[in-house]
PDB file of N, CA and C in Angstrom:
ATOM      1  N   MET A   1     126.542  39.703  88.577  1.00  0.00           N
ATOM      2  CA  MET A   1     125.426  39.426  89.460  1.00  0.00           C
ATOM      3  C   MET A   1     124.299  38.741  88.697  1.00  0.00           C
ATOM      4  N   ILE A   2     124.037  39.213  87.483  1.00  0.00           N
ATOM      5  CA  ILE A   2     122.955  38.625  86.697  1.00  0.00           C
ATOM      6  C   ILE A   2     123.296  37.186  86.328  1.00  0.00           C
ATOM      7  N   ASP A   3     124.565  36.921  86.014  1.00  0.00           N
ATOM      8  CA  ASP A   3     124.964  35.559  85.674  1.00  0.00           C
ATOM      9  C   ASP A   3     124.757  34.617  86.854  1.00  0.00           C
ATOM     10  N   ARG A   4     125.039  35.104  88.066  1.00  0.00           N
ATOM     11  CA  ARG A   4     124.827  34.278  89.260  1.00  0.00           C
ATOM     12  C   ARG A   4     123.348  33.991  89.466  1.00  0.00           C
ATOM     13  N   SER A   5     122.505  35.003  89.245  1.00  0.00           N
ATOM     14  CA  SER A   5     121.071  34.786  89.440  1.00  0.00           C
ATOM     15  C   SER A   5     120.520  33.858  88.362  1.00  0.00           C
ATOM     16  N   LYS A   6     121.016  34.005  87.130  1.00  0.00           N
ATOM     17  CA  LYS A   6     120.582  33.095  86.063  1.00  0.00           C
ATOM     18  C   LYS A   6     121.037  31.678  86.359  1.00  0.00           C
ATOM     19  N   ALA A   7     122.240  31.540  86.890  1.00  0.00           N
ATOM     20  CA  ALA A   7     122.744  30.214  87.237  1.00  0.00           C
ATOM     21  C   ALA A   7     121.923  29.609  88.367  1.00  0.00           C
ATOM     22  N   ALA A   8     121.507  30.430  89.324  1.00  0.00           N
ATOM     23  CA  ALA A   8     120.693  29.932  90.438  1.00  0.00           C
ATOM     24  C   ALA A   8     119.329  29.470  89.943  1.00  0.00           C
ATOM     25  N   VAL A   9     118.715  30.241  89.059  1.00  0.00           N
ATOM     26  CA  VAL A   9     117.407  29.859  88.511  1.00  0.00           C
ATOM     27  C   VAL A   9     117.549  28.608  87.657  1.00  0.00           C
ATOM     28  N   ARG A  10     118.613  28.541  86.870  1.00  0.00           N
ATOM     29  CA  ARG A  10     118.851  27.363  86.032  1.00  0.00           C
ATOM     30  C   ARG A  10     119.046  26.116  86.897  1.00  0.00           C
ATOM     31  N   ALA A  11     119.789  26.257  87.996  1.00  0.00           N
ATOM     32  CA  ALA A  11     119.997  25.125  88.903  1.00  0.00           C
ATOM     33  C   ALA A  11     118.685  24.711  89.556  1.00  0.00           C
ATOM     34  N   PHE A  12     117.854  25.690  89.908  1.00  0.00           N
ATOM     35  CA  PHE A  12     116.558  25.379  90.511  1.00  0.00           C
ATOM     36  C   PHE A  12     115.660  24.648  89.520  1.00  0.00           C
ATOM     37  N   LEU A  13     115.642  25.093  88.275  1.00  0.00           N
ATOM     38  CA  LEU A  13     114.825  24.424  87.260  1.00  0.00           C
ATOM     39  C   LEU A  13     115.302  23.000  87.004  1.00  0.00           C
ATOM     40  N   GLU A  14     116.612  22.801  87.009  1.00  0.00           N
ATOM     41  CA  GLU A  14     117.163  21.458  86.821  1.00  0.00           C
ATOM     42  C   GLU A  14     116.789  20.563  88.002  1.00  0.00           C
ATOM     43  N   ALA A  15     116.862  21.097  89.213  1.00  0.00           N
ATOM     44  CA  ALA A  15     116.471  20.325  90.396  1.00  0.00           C
ATOM     45  C   ALA A  15     114.984  19.985  90.344  1.00  0.00           C
ATOM     46  N   GLU A  16     114.181  20.928  89.867  1.00  0.00           N
ATOM     47  CA  GLU A  16     112.745  20.683  89.734  1.00  0.00           C
ATOM     48  C   GLU A  16     112.483  19.565  88.720  1.00  0.00           C
ATOM     49  N   ARG A  17     113.192  19.592  87.605  1.00  0.00           N
ATOM     50  CA  ARG A  17     113.017  18.559  86.576  1.00  0.00           C
ATOM     51  C   ARG A  17     113.400  17.185  87.117  1.00  0.00           C
ATOM     52  N   ARG A  18     114.525  17.113  87.851  1.00  0.00           N
ATOM     53  CA  ARG A  18     114.947  15.840  88.434  1.00  0.00           C
ATOM     54  C   ARG A  18     113.957  15.354  89.483  1.00  0.00           C
ATOM     55  N   PHE A  19     113.414  16.288  90.263  1.00  0.00           N
ATOM     56  CA  PHE A  19     112.436  15.915  91.283  1.00  0.00           C
ATOM     57  C   PHE A  19     111.187  15.340  90.634  1.00  0.00           C
ATOM     58  N   HIS A  20     110.725  15.955  89.552  1.00  0.00           N
ATOM     59  CA  HIS A  20     109.537  15.452  88.856  1.00  0.00           C
ATOM     60  C   HIS A  20     109.791  14.090  88.225  1.00  0.00           C
ATOM     61  N   ALA A  21     111.015  13.829  87.835  1.00  0.00           N
ATOM     62  CA  ALA A  21     111.341  12.514  87.284  1.00  0.00           C
ATOM     63  C   ALA A  21     111.251  11.434  88.360  1.00  0.00           C
ATOM     64  N   MET A  22     111.474  11.813  89.624  1.00  0.00           N
ATOM     65  CA  MET A  22     111.423  10.850  90.725  1.00  0.00           C
ATOM     66  C   MET A  22     110.019  10.682  91.303  1.00  0.00           C
ATOM     67  N   VAL A  23     109.086  11.577  90.964  1.00  0.00           N
ATOM     68  CA  VAL A  23     107.734  11.502  91.525  1.00  0.00           C
ATOM     69  C   VAL A  23     107.079  10.210  91.045  1.00  0.00           C
ATOM     70  N   PRO A  24     106.568   9.395  91.980  1.00  0.00           N
ATOM     71  CA  PRO A  24     106.015   8.104  91.573  1.00  0.00           C
ATOM     72  C   PRO A  24     104.705   8.204  90.795  1.00  0.00           C
ATOM     73  N   VAL A  25     103.964   9.292  90.958  1.00  0.00           N
ATOM     74  CA  VAL A  25     102.677   9.445  90.288  1.00  0.00           C
ATOM     75  C   VAL A  25     102.856  10.389  89.102  1.00  0.00           C
ATOM     76  N   PRO A  26     102.740   9.903  87.880  1.00  0.00           N
ATOM     77  CA  PRO A  26     102.943  10.758  86.717  1.00  0.00           C
ATOM     78  C   PRO A  26     101.712  11.579  86.346  1.00  0.00           C
ATOM     79  N   ASP A  27     100.789  11.748  87.281  1.00  0.00           N
ATOM     80  CA  ASP A  27      99.580  12.509  87.014  1.00  0.00           C
ATOM     81  C   ASP A  27      99.925  13.988  86.818  1.00  0.00           C
ATOM     82  N   VAL A  28      99.342  14.607  85.827  1.00  0.00           N
ATOM     83  CA  VAL A  28      99.646  16.004  85.503  1.00  0.00           C
ATOM     84  C   VAL A  28      99.262  16.928  86.648  1.00  0.00           C
ATOM     85  N   TYR A  29      98.112  16.687  87.263  1.00  0.00           N
ATOM     86  CA  TYR A  29      97.673  17.561  88.347  1.00  0.00           C
ATOM     87  C   TYR A  29      98.567  17.422  89.569  1.00  0.00           C
ATOM     88  N   SER A  30      99.052  16.220  89.822  1.00  0.00           N
ATOM     89  CA  SER A  30      99.968  16.009  90.932  1.00  0.00           C
ATOM     90  C   SER A  30     101.269  16.764  90.689  1.00  0.00           C
ATOM     91  N   MET A  31     101.775  16.692  89.469  1.00  0.00           N
ATOM     92  CA  MET A  31     103.002  17.416  89.138  1.00  0.00           C
ATOM     93  C   MET A  31     102.794  18.921  89.240  1.00  0.00           C
ATOM     94  N   LEU A  32     101.643  19.390  88.812  1.00  0.00           N
ATOM     95  CA  LEU A  32     101.344  20.812  88.911  1.00  0.00           C
ATOM     96  C   LEU A  32     101.310  21.256  90.368  1.00  0.00           C
ATOM     97  N   PHE A  33     100.717  20.449  91.229  1.00  0.00           N
ATOM     98  CA  PHE A  33     100.665  20.760  92.651  1.00  0.00           C
ATOM     99  C   PHE A  33     102.064  20.803  93.259  1.00  0.00           C
ATOM    100  N   VAL A  34     102.882  19.807  92.940  1.00  0.00           N
ATOM    101  CA  VAL A  34     104.249  19.760  93.465  1.00  0.00           C
ATOM    102  C   VAL A  34     105.055  20.933  92.933  1.00  0.00           C
ATOM    103  N   ARG A  35     104.893  21.252  91.664  1.00  0.00           N
ATOM    104  CA  ARG A  35     105.608  22.384  91.076  1.00  0.00           C
ATOM    105  C   ARG A  35     105.206  23.685  91.756  1.00  0.00           C
ATOM    106  N   THR A  36     103.921  23.840  92.040  1.00  0.00           N
ATOM    107  CA  THR A  36     103.446  25.033  92.735  1.00  0.00           C
ATOM    108  C   THR A  36     104.067  25.132  94.120  1.00  0.00           C
ATOM    109  N   LEU A  37     104.130  24.014  94.828  1.00  0.00           N
ATOM    110  CA  LEU A  37     104.756  24.020  96.154  1.00  0.00           C
ATOM    111  C   LEU A  37     106.236  24.377  96.078  1.00  0.00           C
ATOM    112  N   LEU A  38     106.935  23.835  95.089  1.00  0.00           N
ATOM    113  CA  LEU A  38     108.357  24.145  94.944  1.00  0.00           C
ATOM    114  C   LEU A  38     108.582  25.624  94.643  1.00  0.00           C
ATOM    115  N   TRP A  39     107.791  26.192  93.734  1.00  0.00           N
ATOM    116  CA  TRP A  39     107.953  27.605  93.412  1.00  0.00           C
ATOM    117  C   TRP A  39     107.573  28.487  94.592  1.00  0.00           C
ATOM    118  N   PHE A  40     106.526  28.112  95.338  1.00  0.00           N
ATOM    119  CA  PHE A  40     106.149  28.872  96.522  1.00  0.00           C
ATOM    120  C   PHE A  40     107.288  28.872  97.538  1.00  0.00           C
ATOM    121  N   THR A  41     107.891  27.714  97.753  1.00  0.00           N
ATOM    122  CA  THR A  41     109.017  27.618  98.682  1.00  0.00           C
ATOM    123  C   THR A  41     110.186  28.463  98.204  1.00  0.00           C
ATOM    124  N   PHE A  42     110.476  28.397  96.917  1.00  0.00           N
ATOM    125  CA  PHE A  42     111.576  29.185  96.356  1.00  0.00           C
ATOM    126  C   PHE A  42     111.357  30.677  96.582  1.00  0.00           C
ATOM    127  N   PHE A  43     110.165  31.185  96.257  1.00  0.00           N
ATOM    128  CA  PHE A  43     109.907  32.608  96.410  1.00  0.00           C
ATOM    129  C   PHE A  43     109.789  33.011  97.875  1.00  0.00           C
ATOM    130  N   ALA A  44     109.310  32.121  98.734  1.00  0.00           N
ATOM    131  CA  ALA A  44     109.267  32.423 100.168  1.00  0.00           C
ATOM    132  C   ALA A  44     110.683  32.563 100.724  1.00  0.00           C
ATOM    133  N   LEU A  45     111.579  31.669 100.316  1.00  0.00           N
ATOM    134  CA  LEU A  45     112.974  31.778 100.742  1.00  0.00           C
ATOM    135  C   LEU A  45     113.637  33.023 100.167  1.00  0.00           C
ATOM    136  N   LEU A  46     113.357  33.318  98.921  1.00  0.00           N
ATOM    137  CA  LEU A  46     113.902  34.517  98.295  1.00  0.00           C
ATOM    138  C   LEU A  46     113.421  35.771  99.019  1.00  0.00           C
ATOM    139  N   TYR A  47     112.139  35.823  99.355  1.00  0.00           N
ATOM    140  CA  TYR A  47     111.576  36.950 100.091  1.00  0.00           C
ATOM    141  C   TYR A  47     112.241  37.086 101.459  1.00  0.00           C
ATOM    142  N   THR A  48     112.439  35.959 102.132  1.00  0.00           N
ATOM    143  CA  THR A  48     113.081  35.980 103.444  1.00  0.00           C
ATOM    144  C   THR A  48     114.505  36.498 103.344  1.00  0.00           C
ATOM    145  N   LEU A  49     115.233  36.062 102.332  1.00  0.00           N
ATOM    146  CA  LEU A  49     116.607  36.534 102.151  1.00  0.00           C
ATOM    147  C   LEU A  49     116.656  38.026 101.847  1.00  0.00           C
ATOM    148  N   VAL A  50     115.782  38.487 100.991  1.00  0.00           N
ATOM    149  CA  VAL A  50     115.790  39.903 100.604  1.00  0.00           C
ATOM    150  C   VAL A  50     115.399  40.784 101.779  1.00  0.00           C
ATOM    151  N   THR A  51     114.383  40.406 102.526  1.00  0.00           N
ATOM    152  CA  THR A  51     113.951  41.243 103.648  1.00  0.00           C
ATOM    153  C   THR A  51     114.922  41.165 104.817  1.00  0.00           C
ATOM    154  N   ALA A  52     115.658  40.079 104.948  1.00  0.00           N
ATOM    155  CA  ALA A  52     116.647  39.972 106.021  1.00  0.00           C
ATOM    156  C   ALA A  52     117.866  40.835 105.722  1.00  0.00           C
ATOM    157  N   VAL A  53     118.203  40.981 104.464  1.00  0.00           N
ATOM    158  CA  VAL A  53     119.375  41.771 104.069  1.00  0.00           C
ATOM    159  C   VAL A  53     119.068  43.256 104.124  1.00  0.00           C
ATOM    160  N   VAL A  54     117.876  43.632 103.708  1.00  0.00           N
ATOM    161  CA  VAL A  54     117.512  45.055 103.638  1.00  0.00           C
ATOM    162  C   VAL A  54     117.120  45.594 104.946  1.00  0.00           C
TER     163      VAL A  54
END
């Protein structure tokens, strides 16, 4: 189970890195904002999955 969760987090981080490479504005604050939105979405989905199962 832990290996699956580590693989999921690793895949998410890789997707985040690729997404940042495609962002047309290389501004640090813009990347920080996008990263915050991505992590918020990830944890919101995770919360939804956990509360739906329990």
